[in-house]
Amino acid sequence: PVGALQESPTALHRTSVSWLPLPPPFLTLFLPKKEVVKEEDVILEPELEEALANATDAEMCDIAAILGMYTLMSNKQYYDAICSGNITNTEGINSVVQPDKYKPVPDEPPNPTNAEETLAKVRSNDKDLEEVNLNNIQDIPIQTLKEICEAMKTNTHVKQLSLVATRSNDPVAHAVAEMLKENKSLQSLNIESNFITSAGMMEVIKAMKENSTLAELKVDNQRQRLGDSVEMEMAAMLEKCTSITRFGYHFTQQGPRARASIAITRNNELRRKQKKT
């Protein structure tokens, strides 16, 4: 009997452990959605509506200061009113203002130019083709770009050639340089936003010393920094080539920038005097 009493608690304990009830499942709480409070439109008298519609920035700032309602105006309106000098509240803004509203700028449509057809027209020296615009066409093969530059050597009608963002590299820059040495009709060349390195750009700049008809050259925003030696060569080229009146490049060194600015000013003055005569 004593042994039975000693075993019974153990048996009960084992039974209670093996048959513990499972915990209750997680309960999903239902939270009602908060209703969005709609702001009611305030309808004013016609005279007040007309006065607010025709109010200047300075008057709107003064009204907002009097009422303490700075959301009536934007930050730009406030500073424009200060610049006008006709504002009473010049102590500043101590509250949240209305955000500036900007008009969205739509993306430019894709370039519809057909590179192969353009190449054929350049080769045939089509008299109706005066501008070759291949901007932002990134699937043009490098060989096609080189062939266009090769055909431009003997073309006498194209006045503008633009190869912006065409993934042009040093081989294309070499073809452009060779074209500049022979072409005598091109007036504007734009090769911005490409992968031309300092070596390729140096070829283009040196080739300009043999060209006397190009008036506009844009080479800015290349993938790599061109370096000080290229900028010095650019300044020397502008000092020698009096035909260049517009040069698109952001100089990083003060010395070449100053020399280029003086040269461009001189070239424009020479062009103005030539037109008078």
Protein backbone atom coordinates (compact mmCIF):
# COMPACT_ATOMS: atom_id res chain seq x y z
CA PRO A 1 0.00 0.00 0.00
CA VAL A 2 2.80 2.41 0.83
CA GLY A 3 4.50 1.62 -2.48
CA ALA A 4 1.21 2.18 -4.27
CA LEU A 5 0.84 5.54 -2.58
CA GLN A 6 4.36 6.47 -3.58
CA GLU A 7 3.85 5.47 -7.23
CA SER A 8 0.46 7.08 -7.65
CA PRO A 9 1.73 10.70 -7.46
CA THR A 10 4.40 9.87 -10.07
CA ALA A 11 1.81 8.30 -12.33
CA LEU A 12 -0.50 11.27 -11.94
CA HIS A 13 2.37 13.65 -12.62
CA ARG A 14 3.34 11.82 -15.83
CA THR A 15 -0.24 11.75 -16.94
CA SER A 16 -0.72 15.44 -16.28
CA VAL A 17 2.48 16.33 -18.19
CA SER A 18 1.66 14.20 -21.23
CA TRP A 19 -1.89 15.48 -21.47
CA LEU A 20 -1.38 19.20 -21.02
CA PRO A 21 -3.96 21.14 -23.05
CA LEU A 22 -2.67 23.06 -26.12
CA PRO A 23 -2.51 26.84 -25.86
CA PRO A 24 -5.34 28.71 -27.55
CA PRO A 25 -4.66 29.90 -31.12
CA PHE A 26 -3.75 33.51 -31.78
CA LEU A 27 -6.74 35.74 -31.85
CA THR A 28 -7.18 38.14 -34.78
CA LEU A 29 -8.32 41.49 -33.58
CA PHE A 30 -10.61 43.47 -35.81
CA LEU A 31 -9.80 47.15 -35.86
CA PRO A 32 -12.30 49.33 -37.65
CA LYS A 33 -10.87 51.70 -40.27
CA LYS A 34 -10.74 55.31 -39.35
CA GLU A 35 -12.95 57.44 -41.46
CA VAL A 36 -11.12 60.11 -43.42
CA VAL A 37 -12.47 63.49 -42.55
CA LYS A 38 -13.12 65.44 -45.73
CA GLU A 39 -12.40 69.11 -45.65
CA GLU A 40 -15.34 71.20 -46.63
CA ASP A 41 -14.87 73.87 -49.25
CA VAL A 42 -15.24 77.34 -47.84
CA ILE A 43 -17.47 79.51 -49.97
CA LEU A 44 -16.83 83.22 -49.67
CA GLU A 45 -18.70 86.16 -51.00
CA PRO A 46 -18.04 86.97 -54.66
CA GLU A 47 -16.25 90.21 -53.76
CA LEU A 48 -13.85 88.40 -51.43
CA GLU A 49 -13.25 85.61 -53.94
CA GLU A 50 -12.34 88.18 -56.60
CA ALA A 51 -10.10 90.09 -54.19
CA LEU A 52 -8.18 86.94 -53.21
CA ALA A 53 -7.86 85.82 -56.81
CA ASN A 54 -6.33 89.15 -57.85
CA ALA A 55 -4.21 89.67 -54.73
CA THR A 56 -0.48 90.12 -55.20
CA ASP A 57 2.14 88.08 -53.34
CA ALA A 58 2.78 90.96 -50.94
CA GLU A 59 -0.94 91.33 -50.15
CA MET A 60 -1.30 87.57 -49.59
CA CYS A 61 1.63 87.62 -47.18
CA ASP A 62 0.11 90.48 -45.20
CA ILE A 63 -3.27 88.74 -45.06
CA ALA A 64 -1.63 85.52 -43.88
CA ALA A 65 0.27 87.41 -41.17
CA ILE A 66 -2.88 89.15 -39.92
CA LEU A 67 -4.94 85.96 -39.81
CA GLY A 68 -2.06 83.73 -38.68
CA MET A 69 -2.82 81.42 -41.60
CA TYR A 70 0.53 80.95 -43.32
CA THR A 71 -0.82 78.06 -45.38
CA LEU A 72 -2.38 80.66 -47.66
CA MET A 73 0.99 81.25 -49.30
CA SER A 74 4.13 79.39 -50.24
CA ASN A 75 7.72 80.00 -49.24
CA LYS A 76 8.53 81.29 -52.72
CA GLN A 77 5.65 83.78 -52.61
CA TYR A 78 6.91 85.15 -49.30
CA TYR A 79 10.46 85.78 -50.48
CA ASP A 80 9.24 87.19 -53.80
CA ALA A 81 7.13 89.63 -51.82
CA ILE A 82 10.14 90.65 -49.71
CA CYS A 83 12.17 91.30 -52.86
CA SER A 84 9.39 93.50 -54.23
CA GLY A 85 9.67 95.76 -51.17
CA ASN A 86 5.88 96.16 -50.79
CA ILE A 87 5.37 93.83 -47.83
CA THR A 88 4.54 94.85 -44.28
CA ASN A 89 5.41 91.56 -42.56
CA THR A 90 9.21 91.31 -42.70
CA GLU A 91 9.67 89.46 -39.41
CA GLY A 92 9.67 86.04 -41.01
CA ILE A 93 7.43 82.99 -40.90
CA ASN A 94 6.96 80.97 -37.74
CA SER A 95 4.61 78.31 -39.06
CA VAL A 96 4.16 75.77 -41.84
CA VAL A 97 3.54 77.31 -45.24
CA GLN A 98 1.88 76.04 -48.38
CA PRO A 99 4.17 73.91 -50.59
CA ASP A 100 5.29 75.29 -53.90
CA LYS A 101 3.46 73.89 -56.89
CA TYR A 102 5.60 72.93 -59.85
CA LYS A 103 4.38 71.89 -63.25
CA PRO A 104 5.52 68.37 -64.17
CA VAL A 105 7.91 68.32 -67.09
CA PRO A 106 7.07 65.53 -69.53
CA ASP A 107 9.83 63.33 -70.89
CA GLU A 108 11.11 64.10 -74.33
CA PRO A 109 9.80 61.79 -77.04
CA PRO A 110 12.31 59.28 -78.44
CA ASN A 111 14.46 60.43 -81.32
CA PRO A 112 12.76 59.22 -84.53
CA THR A 113 15.91 59.54 -86.66
CA ASN A 114 16.89 56.41 -88.57
CA ALA A 115 20.67 56.07 -88.43
CA GLU A 116 20.98 53.93 -91.56
CA GLU A 117 18.84 56.25 -93.67
CA THR A 118 20.77 59.25 -92.37
CA LEU A 119 24.07 57.57 -93.24
CA ALA A 120 22.85 56.98 -96.80
CA LYS A 121 21.82 60.63 -97.17
CA VAL A 122 25.16 61.86 -95.83
CA ARG A 123 27.02 59.62 -98.26
CA SER A 124 24.93 60.82 -101.21
CA ASN A 125 25.47 64.46 -100.14
CA ASP A 126 21.73 65.13 -100.04
CA LYS A 127 21.21 68.87 -100.41
CA ASP A 128 18.06 68.81 -98.24
CA LEU A 129 19.94 67.34 -95.26
CA GLU A 130 21.43 70.23 -93.30
CA GLU A 131 21.20 68.80 -89.75
CA VAL A 132 22.13 65.34 -88.47
CA ASN A 133 20.62 64.80 -85.02
CA LEU A 134 21.32 61.40 -83.44
CA ASN A 135 20.88 62.53 -79.83
CA ASN A 136 19.93 59.91 -77.22
CA ILE A 137 19.94 56.98 -79.66
CA GLN A 138 22.04 54.56 -77.63
CA ASP A 139 21.68 51.48 -79.83
CA ILE A 140 23.65 52.88 -82.76
CA PRO A 141 26.65 50.64 -83.47
CA ILE A 142 30.05 52.27 -83.09
CA GLN A 143 30.85 51.28 -86.67
CA THR A 144 27.82 53.23 -87.93
CA LEU A 145 28.94 56.35 -86.05
CA LYS A 146 32.41 56.02 -87.55
CA GLU A 147 30.95 55.62 -91.04
CA ILE A 148 28.85 58.77 -90.57
CA CYS A 149 31.99 60.70 -89.62
CA GLU A 150 33.80 59.22 -92.61
CA ALA A 151 30.98 60.28 -94.95
CA MET A 152 31.00 63.77 -93.44
CA LYS A 153 34.51 64.36 -94.80
CA THR A 154 33.16 65.03 -98.29
CA ASN A 155 29.67 66.29 -97.40
CA THR A 156 29.05 69.92 -98.29
CA HIS A 157 25.47 70.49 -97.09
CA VAL A 158 25.28 69.33 -93.44
CA LYS A 159 25.73 72.33 -91.14
CA GLN A 160 24.98 70.71 -87.75
CA LEU A 161 26.12 67.33 -86.41
CA SER A 162 24.91 66.23 -82.97
CA LEU A 163 25.97 62.94 -81.34
CA VAL A 164 24.82 63.58 -77.75
CA ALA A 165 24.40 60.48 -75.54
CA THR A 166 25.15 57.98 -78.30
CA ARG A 167 27.73 56.06 -76.21
CA SER A 168 30.48 57.39 -78.47
CA ASN A 169 33.99 56.43 -77.34
CA ASP A 170 37.59 57.12 -78.37
CA PRO A 171 37.34 55.38 -81.80
CA VAL A 172 34.42 57.67 -82.63
CA ALA A 173 36.40 60.66 -81.33
CA HIS A 174 39.25 59.68 -83.65
CA ALA A 175 36.82 59.56 -86.59
CA VAL A 176 35.44 62.97 -85.58
CA ALA A 177 38.97 64.40 -85.48
CA GLU A 178 39.77 63.07 -88.95
CA MET A 179 36.48 64.50 -90.23
CA LEU A 180 37.25 67.97 -88.82
CA LYS A 181 40.54 68.06 -90.70
CA GLU A 182 38.81 67.69 -94.09
CA ASN A 183 35.24 68.98 -93.74
CA LYS A 184 34.79 72.62 -94.79
CA SER A 185 31.04 73.13 -94.34
CA LEU A 186 30.17 71.97 -90.80
CA GLN A 187 29.34 74.86 -88.46
CA SER A 188 28.14 73.14 -85.26
CA LEU A 189 29.37 69.94 -83.57
CA ASN A 190 27.96 68.50 -80.35
CA ILE A 191 29.48 65.37 -78.77
CA GLU A 192 28.42 65.91 -75.15
CA SER A 193 27.46 63.18 -72.64
CA ASN A 194 29.55 60.35 -74.09
CA PHE A 195 32.39 58.01 -73.09
CA ILE A 196 35.26 59.94 -74.68
CA THR A 197 38.43 59.96 -72.56
CA SER A 198 41.17 62.57 -72.41
CA ALA A 199 43.13 60.85 -75.22
CA GLY A 200 40.18 60.93 -77.61
CA MET A 201 39.27 64.50 -76.68
CA MET A 202 42.85 65.61 -77.23
CA GLU A 203 42.62 64.36 -80.83
CA VAL A 204 39.44 66.36 -81.41
CA ILE A 205 40.90 69.55 -79.93
CA LYS A 206 44.14 69.29 -81.92
CA ALA A 207 42.19 68.64 -85.13
CA MET A 208 40.34 71.92 -84.59
CA LYS A 209 43.55 73.82 -85.34
CA GLU A 210 43.18 72.68 -88.96
CA ASN A 211 39.51 73.69 -89.21
CA SER A 212 38.39 77.22 -90.02
CA THR A 213 34.62 76.85 -90.50
CA LEU A 214 33.31 75.37 -87.24
CA ALA A 215 31.66 78.06 -85.08
CA GLU A 216 30.20 75.97 -82.24
CA LEU A 217 31.77 73.04 -80.39
CA LYS A 218 30.24 71.27 -77.36
CA VAL A 219 32.22 68.56 -75.55
CA ASP A 220 31.04 68.73 -71.93
CA ASN A 221 29.78 65.99 -69.57
CA GLN A 222 32.00 63.07 -70.54
CA ARG A 223 32.09 59.87 -68.48
CA GLN A 224 35.62 60.56 -67.21
CA ARG A 225 37.29 63.77 -66.13
CA LEU A 226 39.37 65.09 -69.02
CA GLY A 227 42.20 66.52 -66.93
CA ASP A 228 44.29 69.68 -66.76
CA SER A 229 46.35 69.01 -69.90
CA VAL A 230 43.20 68.76 -72.04
CA GLU A 231 41.84 71.99 -70.58
CA MET A 232 45.11 73.78 -71.33
CA GLU A 233 44.93 72.46 -74.91
CA MET A 234 41.33 73.69 -75.18
CA ALA A 235 42.35 77.19 -74.13
CA ALA A 236 45.24 77.20 -76.61
CA MET A 237 42.92 76.00 -79.39
CA LEU A 238 40.39 78.77 -78.70
CA GLU A 239 43.15 81.37 -78.77
CA LYS A 240 44.27 80.14 -82.19
CA CYS A 241 40.92 79.29 -83.82
CA THR A 242 39.14 82.59 -84.33
CA SER A 243 36.11 80.89 -85.92
CA ILE A 244 34.88 79.36 -82.62
CA THR A 245 32.31 81.71 -81.06
CA ARG A 246 30.53 79.19 -78.79
CA PHE A 247 32.34 76.52 -76.78
CA GLY A 248 30.48 74.17 -74.45
CA TYR A 249 32.65 72.88 -71.62
CA HIS A 250 32.76 73.44 -67.84
CA PHE A 251 36.38 74.17 -66.95
CA THR A 252 37.65 72.96 -63.57
CA GLN A 253 40.81 75.10 -63.54
CA GLN A 254 40.77 78.88 -63.23
CA GLY A 255 43.66 79.50 -65.63
CA PRO A 256 42.24 77.74 -68.72
CA ARG A 257 38.77 79.09 -67.92
CA ALA A 258 39.99 82.69 -67.97
CA ARG A 259 41.97 82.19 -71.18
CA ALA A 260 39.00 80.52 -72.87
CA SER A 261 36.63 83.30 -71.81
CA ILE A 262 38.94 85.98 -73.21
CA ALA A 263 39.38 84.05 -76.47
CA ILE A 264 35.62 83.53 -76.95
CA THR A 265 34.96 87.23 -76.31
CA ARG A 266 37.60 88.17 -78.86
CA ASN A 267 36.22 85.74 -81.45
CA ASN A 268 32.69 87.11 -81.07
CA GLU A 269 33.99 90.64 -81.45
CA LEU A 270 35.82 89.66 -84.63
CA ARG A 271 32.67 88.01 -85.97
CA ARG A 272 30.65 91.15 -85.23
CA LYS A 273 33.15 93.34 -87.09
CA GLN A 274 33.12 90.97 -90.07
CA LYS A 275 29.33 91.19 -90.30
CA LYS A 276 29.48 94.98 -90.34
CA THR A 277 31.93 95.00 -93.21
